[in-house]
Amino acid sequence: MPRLMLVGNWLVLIGIISLGGYWFRRLRHQPATSWGWFGLIVLLGGVASWLVGNPYFG
């Protein structure tokens, strides 16, 4: 597995965890807008890194 795909996998994992924390805080009615944007940006960056590092797409 290329190194960029591995980095993409970790970024996707961090993004999913951040979005999960965002939704958990939203359920408890606490402001957490920066977590949502951070998670979304990291998740999209991870998907882009994975696609660029994938030999079938890149």
N, C-alpha and C. Protein backbone atom coordinates (compact mmCIF):
# COMPACT_ATOMS: atom_id res chain seq x y z
N MET A 1 0.85 -1.19 0.00
CA MET A 1 0.00 0.00 0.00
C MET A 1 0.89 1.25 0.00
N PRO A 2 0.67 2.14 -0.93
CA PRO A 2 1.49 3.36 -0.96
C PRO A 2 1.33 4.19 0.32
N ARG A 3 2.38 4.94 0.61
CA ARG A 3 2.41 5.73 1.84
C ARG A 3 1.29 6.77 1.88
N LEU A 4 0.98 7.39 0.73
CA LEU A 4 -0.06 8.41 0.70
C LEU A 4 -1.43 7.83 1.03
N MET A 5 -1.68 6.58 0.60
CA MET A 5 -2.95 5.93 0.95
C MET A 5 -3.01 5.68 2.45
N LEU A 6 -1.88 5.32 3.05
CA LEU A 6 -1.85 5.09 4.50
C LEU A 6 -2.12 6.38 5.25
N VAL A 7 -1.52 7.48 4.80
CA VAL A 7 -1.79 8.78 5.40
C VAL A 7 -3.27 9.14 5.23
N GLY A 8 -3.82 8.86 4.06
CA GLY A 8 -5.24 9.12 3.81
C GLY A 8 -6.14 8.33 4.74
N ASN A 9 -5.78 7.08 5.00
CA ASN A 9 -6.58 6.27 5.92
C ASN A 9 -6.60 6.87 7.32
N TRP A 10 -5.43 7.33 7.79
CA TRP A 10 -5.38 7.94 9.12
C TRP A 10 -6.16 9.24 9.17
N LEU A 11 -6.07 10.06 8.10
CA LEU A 11 -6.81 11.31 8.06
C LEU A 11 -8.32 11.06 8.07
N VAL A 12 -8.75 10.04 7.33
CA VAL A 12 -10.18 9.69 7.33
C VAL A 12 -10.61 9.25 8.72
N LEU A 13 -9.80 8.46 9.39
CA LEU A 13 -10.13 8.01 10.74
C LEU A 13 -10.23 9.19 11.71
N ILE A 14 -9.27 10.12 11.64
CA ILE A 14 -9.32 11.29 12.51
C ILE A 14 -10.54 12.14 12.19
N GLY A 15 -10.86 12.29 10.91
CA GLY A 15 -12.04 13.05 10.51
C GLY A 15 -13.33 12.45 11.02
N ILE A 16 -13.44 11.12 10.95
CA ILE A 16 -14.65 10.45 11.44
C ILE A 16 -14.78 10.62 12.95
N ILE A 17 -13.67 10.50 13.67
CA ILE A 17 -13.71 10.69 15.13
C ILE A 17 -14.11 12.12 15.47
N SER A 18 -13.56 13.10 14.73
CA SER A 18 -13.89 14.50 14.99
C SER A 18 -15.36 14.78 14.71
N LEU A 19 -15.88 14.23 13.61
CA LEU A 19 -17.29 14.43 13.30
C LEU A 19 -18.17 13.74 14.34
N GLY A 20 -17.73 12.58 14.82
CA GLY A 20 -18.47 11.90 15.88
C GLY A 20 -18.52 12.74 17.15
N GLY A 21 -17.39 13.35 17.51
CA GLY A 21 -17.37 14.24 18.66
C GLY A 21 -18.24 15.45 18.46
N TYR A 22 -18.26 15.96 17.22
CA TYR A 22 -19.11 17.11 16.90
C TYR A 22 -20.58 16.76 17.10
N TRP A 23 -21.01 15.62 16.55
CA TRP A 23 -22.43 15.24 16.68
C TRP A 23 -22.78 14.92 18.13
N PHE A 24 -21.84 14.33 18.87
CA PHE A 24 -22.10 14.03 20.28
C PHE A 24 -22.31 15.31 21.07
N ARG A 25 -21.48 16.33 20.81
CA ARG A 25 -21.65 17.61 21.50
C ARG A 25 -22.93 18.31 21.06
N ARG A 26 -23.30 18.15 19.80
CA ARG A 26 -24.55 18.75 19.33
C ARG A 26 -25.75 18.10 20.03
N LEU A 27 -25.67 16.79 20.25
CA LEU A 27 -26.76 16.11 20.94
C LEU A 27 -26.89 16.60 22.38
N ARG A 28 -25.77 17.01 22.98
CA ARG A 28 -25.81 17.51 24.35
C ARG A 28 -26.03 19.02 24.39
N HIS A 29 -26.31 19.62 23.21
CA HIS A 29 -26.62 21.05 23.08
C HIS A 29 -25.47 21.93 23.58
N GLN A 30 -24.25 21.57 23.18
CA GLN A 30 -23.09 22.37 23.49
C GLN A 30 -22.49 22.85 22.17
N PRO A 31 -22.00 24.07 22.12
CA PRO A 31 -21.44 24.57 20.85
C PRO A 31 -20.15 23.85 20.49
N ALA A 32 -20.08 23.37 19.28
CA ALA A 32 -18.88 22.64 18.83
C ALA A 32 -18.69 22.83 17.33
N THR A 33 -18.90 24.04 16.83
CA THR A 33 -18.85 24.24 15.38
C THR A 33 -17.45 24.03 14.82
N SER A 34 -16.40 24.41 15.56
CA SER A 34 -15.05 24.26 15.03
C SER A 34 -14.69 22.78 14.86
N TRP A 35 -15.19 21.91 15.75
CA TRP A 35 -14.93 20.47 15.61
C TRP A 35 -15.56 19.94 14.34
N GLY A 36 -16.75 20.43 14.02
CA GLY A 36 -17.43 19.96 12.80
C GLY A 36 -16.66 20.34 11.55
N TRP A 37 -16.21 21.60 11.47
CA TRP A 37 -15.44 22.02 10.30
C TRP A 37 -14.10 21.31 10.23
N PHE A 38 -13.44 21.16 11.38
CA PHE A 38 -12.15 20.46 11.41
C PHE A 38 -12.32 19.01 10.92
N GLY A 39 -13.33 18.33 11.44
CA GLY A 39 -13.57 16.95 11.04
C GLY A 39 -13.89 16.81 9.57
N LEU A 40 -14.70 17.74 9.04
CA LEU A 40 -15.07 17.68 7.64
C LEU A 40 -13.87 17.93 6.73
N ILE A 41 -13.05 18.92 7.07
CA ILE A 41 -11.87 19.23 6.26
C ILE A 41 -10.87 18.08 6.28
N VAL A 42 -10.63 17.51 7.48
CA VAL A 42 -9.69 16.40 7.59
C VAL A 42 -10.21 15.18 6.85
N LEU A 43 -11.52 14.93 6.95
CA LEU A 43 -12.12 13.79 6.25
C LEU A 43 -11.98 13.94 4.74
N LEU A 44 -12.27 15.13 4.21
CA LEU A 44 -12.14 15.34 2.77
C LEU A 44 -10.67 15.26 2.33
N GLY A 45 -9.76 15.79 3.16
CA GLY A 45 -8.34 15.68 2.84
C GLY A 45 -7.87 14.23 2.84
N GLY A 46 -8.38 13.45 3.77
CA GLY A 46 -8.02 12.03 3.82
C GLY A 46 -8.52 11.27 2.61
N VAL A 47 -9.75 11.56 2.19
CA VAL A 47 -10.30 10.90 1.00
C VAL A 47 -9.50 11.30 -0.23
N ALA A 48 -9.15 12.59 -0.34
CA ALA A 48 -8.36 13.04 -1.48
C ALA A 48 -6.97 12.39 -1.48
N SER A 49 -6.33 12.30 -0.32
CA SER A 49 -5.01 11.65 -0.24
C SER A 49 -5.10 10.19 -0.61
N TRP A 50 -6.17 9.54 -0.19
CA TRP A 50 -6.33 8.12 -0.49
C TRP A 50 -6.51 7.92 -1.99
N LEU A 51 -7.33 8.78 -2.61
CA LEU A 51 -7.57 8.64 -4.05
C LEU A 51 -6.31 8.96 -4.85
N VAL A 52 -5.56 9.98 -4.43
CA VAL A 52 -4.33 10.33 -5.16
C VAL A 52 -3.28 9.22 -4.99
N GLY A 53 -3.21 8.63 -3.80
CA GLY A 53 -2.23 7.59 -3.56
C GLY A 53 -2.62 6.24 -4.14
N ASN A 54 -3.89 6.06 -4.49
CA ASN A 54 -4.35 4.79 -5.03
C ASN A 54 -3.87 4.65 -6.47
N PRO A 55 -3.17 3.56 -6.79
CA PRO A 55 -2.64 3.41 -8.15
C PRO A 55 -3.73 3.29 -9.21
N TYR A 56 -4.95 2.90 -8.84
CA TYR A 56 -6.01 2.76 -9.82
C TYR A 56 -6.60 4.11 -10.19
N PHE A 57 -6.56 5.09 -9.28
CA PHE A 57 -7.13 6.40 -9.55
C PHE A 57 -6.06 7.44 -9.88
N GLY A 58 -4.90 7.37 -9.23
CA GLY A 58 -3.90 8.42 -9.35
C GLY A 58 -3.13 8.41 -10.61
